[in-house]
Protein backbone atom coordinates (compact mmCIF):
# COMPACT_ATOMS: atom_id res chain seq x y z
CA UNK A 1 13.82 -18.46 -14.31
CA UNK A 2 13.40 -17.39 -17.88
CA UNK A 3 12.45 -13.94 -19.10
CA UNK A 4 9.01 -15.24 -20.06
CA UNK A 5 8.37 -16.61 -16.58
CA UNK A 6 9.49 -13.35 -14.97
CA UNK A 7 7.28 -11.33 -17.32
CA UNK A 8 4.25 -13.56 -16.75
CA UNK A 9 4.48 -13.99 -12.97
CA UNK A 10 6.32 -10.98 -11.54
CA UNK A 11 5.57 -8.06 -13.84
CA UNK A 12 1.77 -8.22 -13.35
CA UNK A 13 2.26 -7.29 -9.67
CA UNK A 14 4.46 -4.28 -10.46
CA UNK A 15 1.62 -1.76 -9.97
CA UNK A 16 0.70 -3.29 -6.60
CA UNK A 17 4.34 -3.02 -5.54
CA UNK A 18 4.41 0.62 -6.61
CA UNK A 19 1.16 1.49 -4.80
CA UNK A 20 2.39 -0.21 -1.64
CA UNK A 21 5.75 1.60 -1.77
CA UNK A 22 3.98 4.89 -2.47
CA UNK A 23 1.67 4.39 0.50
CA UNK A 24 4.64 3.74 2.78
CA UNK A 25 6.89 6.51 1.44
CA UNK A 26 4.42 9.14 0.22
CA UNK A 27 6.73 10.12 -2.62
CA UNK A 28 6.25 9.14 -6.26
CA UNK A 29 9.91 9.08 -7.29
CA UNK A 30 11.06 7.12 -4.24
CA UNK A 31 8.22 4.64 -4.74
CA UNK A 32 9.35 4.12 -8.34
CA UNK A 33 12.93 3.57 -7.14
CA UNK A 34 11.85 1.08 -4.48
CA UNK A 35 9.70 -0.79 -7.01
CA UNK A 36 12.63 -1.00 -9.41
CA UNK A 37 14.95 -2.18 -6.61
CA UNK A 38 12.41 -4.80 -5.55
CA UNK A 39 12.11 -6.14 -9.10
CA UNK A 40 15.90 -6.30 -9.37
CA UNK A 41 16.12 -8.15 -6.07
CA UNK A 42 13.47 -10.63 -7.21
CA UNK A 43 15.36 -11.18 -10.45
CA UNK A 44 18.65 -11.67 -8.60
CA UNK A 45 17.03 -14.24 -6.28
CA UNK A 46 15.21 -16.09 -9.05
CA UNK A 47 16.56 -19.45 -7.90
CA UNK A 48 14.41 -19.17 -4.72
CA UNK A 49 11.18 -18.79 -6.69
CA UNK A 50 10.66 -22.53 -7.06
CA UNK A 51 10.37 -23.02 -3.31
CA UNK A 52 7.86 -20.20 -2.73
CA UNK A 53 4.18 -20.77 -2.05
CA UNK A 54 3.11 -17.21 -2.84
CA UNK A 55 5.31 -15.24 -5.22
CA UNK A 56 3.23 -12.07 -4.91
CA UNK A 57 3.49 -12.03 -1.11
CA UNK A 58 7.26 -12.53 -1.39
CA UNK A 59 7.53 -9.57 -3.79
CA UNK A 60 5.42 -7.41 -1.47
CA UNK A 61 7.61 -8.35 1.51
CA UNK A 62 10.74 -7.36 -0.42
CA UNK A 63 9.11 -4.05 -1.35
CA UNK A 64 8.05 -3.42 2.24
CA UNK A 65 11.51 -4.16 3.60
CA UNK A 66 13.19 -1.90 1.04
CA UNK A 67 10.73 0.93 1.76
CA UNK A 68 11.20 0.60 5.51
CA UNK A 69 14.98 0.57 5.06
CA UNK A 70 14.68 3.80 3.09
CA UNK A 71 12.53 5.36 5.80
CA UNK A 72 15.08 4.43 8.45
CA UNK A 73 18.19 5.26 6.42
CA UNK A 74 18.03 9.04 6.29
CA UNK A 75 15.26 10.07 8.65
CA UNK A 76 13.04 10.06 5.62
CA UNK A 77 9.97 12.26 5.91
CA UNK A 78 6.69 11.46 4.22
CA UNK A 79 5.64 14.30 1.97
CA UNK A 80 2.46 16.17 2.75
CA UNK A 81 1.37 16.09 -0.89
CA UNK A 82 -2.14 14.99 -1.68
CA UNK A 83 -2.30 11.28 -2.26
CA UNK A 84 -2.12 11.48 -6.05
CA UNK A 85 -1.74 7.75 -6.65
CA UNK A 86 -5.24 7.00 -5.46
CA UNK A 87 -7.38 9.75 -6.94
CA UNK A 88 -10.44 8.03 -8.28
CA UNK A 89 -11.97 9.36 -11.47
CA UNK A 90 -15.75 9.45 -11.66
CA UNK A 91 -16.95 6.18 -13.15
CA UNK A 92 -20.32 7.55 -14.22
CA UNK A 93 -21.47 10.86 -15.54
CA UNK A 94 -21.94 12.88 -12.36
CA UNK A 95 -22.64 16.53 -12.04
CA UNK A 96 -19.65 18.67 -11.04
CA UNK A 97 -20.92 19.17 -7.50
CA UNK A 98 -21.19 15.41 -6.86
CA UNK A 99 -17.77 14.84 -8.39
CA UNK A 100 -16.23 17.56 -6.20
CA UNK A 101 -17.90 16.17 -3.08
CA UNK A 102 -16.69 12.65 -3.87
CA UNK A 103 -13.17 13.96 -4.47
CA UNK A 104 -13.23 15.84 -1.14
CA UNK A 105 -14.37 12.74 0.72
CA UNK A 106 -11.64 10.62 -0.87
CA UNK A 107 -9.01 13.24 0.03
CA UNK A 108 -10.18 13.12 3.65
CA UNK A 109 -10.10 9.33 3.72
CA UNK A 110 -6.60 9.19 2.24
CA UNK A 111 -5.42 11.92 4.59
CA UNK A 112 -6.67 9.96 7.61
CA UNK A 113 -5.07 6.74 6.29
CA UNK A 114 -1.78 8.54 5.65
CA UNK A 115 -1.70 9.74 9.26
CA UNK A 116 -2.11 6.26 10.72
CA UNK A 117 0.91 4.58 12.29
CA UNK A 118 2.95 2.63 9.72
CA UNK A 119 1.73 -0.83 10.75
CA UNK A 120 -1.92 0.21 10.47
CA UNK A 121 -1.32 2.07 7.21
CA UNK A 122 0.32 -1.02 5.71
CA UNK A 123 -2.56 -3.25 6.76
CA UNK A 124 -5.21 -0.94 5.30
CA UNK A 125 -3.24 -0.64 2.07
CA UNK A 126 -2.75 -4.38 1.68
CA UNK A 127 -6.30 -5.44 2.61
CA UNK A 128 -8.65 -2.66 1.60
CA UNK A 129 -6.81 -1.18 -1.36
CA UNK A 130 -4.80 -4.07 -2.81
CA UNK A 131 -7.25 -6.81 -1.77
CA UNK A 132 -4.84 -9.31 -0.23
CA UNK A 133 -6.22 -12.09 1.98
CA UNK A 134 -5.50 -12.10 5.70
CA UNK A 135 -3.06 -14.99 5.27
CA UNK A 136 -1.22 -13.22 2.45
CA UNK A 137 -0.91 -10.10 4.61
CA UNK A 138 0.45 -12.21 7.47
CA UNK A 139 3.05 -13.64 5.09
CA UNK A 140 3.98 -10.23 3.67
CA UNK A 141 4.33 -8.50 7.03
CA UNK A 142 5.71 -11.59 8.79
CA UNK A 143 3.15 -11.44 11.61
CA UNK A 144 0.52 -13.88 12.85
CA UNK A 145 -2.95 -14.12 11.40
CA UNK A 146 -4.43 -12.96 14.71
CA UNK A 147 -2.21 -9.86 14.69
CA UNK A 148 -3.43 -9.05 11.18
CA UNK A 149 -7.07 -9.28 12.23
CA UNK A 150 -6.67 -7.33 15.47
CA UNK A 151 -4.53 -4.56 14.01
CA UNK A 152 -6.70 -4.22 10.90
CA UNK A 153 -9.77 -3.88 13.12
CA UNK A 154 -8.00 -1.19 15.16
CA UNK A 155 -6.87 0.64 12.02
CA UNK A 156 -10.37 0.64 10.54
CA UNK A 157 -11.86 1.75 13.84
CA UNK A 158 -9.38 4.62 14.03
CA UNK A 159 -10.17 5.71 10.47
CA UNK A 160 -13.91 5.50 11.13
CA UNK A 161 -13.65 7.54 14.35
CA UNK A 162 -11.50 10.23 12.76
CA UNK A 163 -13.86 10.54 9.80
CA UNK A 164 -16.87 10.74 12.13
CA UNK A 165 -15.13 13.49 14.12
CA UNK A 166 -14.48 15.38 10.88
CA UNK A 167 -18.14 15.04 9.92
CA UNK A 168 -19.63 15.93 13.29
CA UNK A 169 -17.12 18.42 14.69
CA UNK A 170 -15.44 19.65 11.51
CA UNK A 171 -12.02 18.65 12.87
């Protein structure tokens, strides 16, 4: 693989790799390190790229495996910091009250997602935030298509129920 090919095919997915690592680790610096390690691993295995059907899914799988290895390696703890990587700026001119309410809602949503079990959190990140297809998610996580659909449904249901409980009961 040439530098041009690497820059044109791998580097455009760098931000997705970072967001995925950040979602798994909850730490900005560690997510940057994992992203860098994943890019190095892709570069070192460049001879395999010709036989791949989906380069982006392969890069995401490498990132996932490196992040999970880091979590296992030293009893890594996710930080309780607010999910800074996904704060959404107001896209239209909204009054300060609407902007504050929208920010509060997004903080609650990200908090609920962050508290999901790892397999559910990964599925929500890949499908609802990064926009991968079900088949791509199955390839990335190395699970069946049916498992993707079932577990994503369960994850979404859990998020919905927790948010409803927050709304109704103030939990």
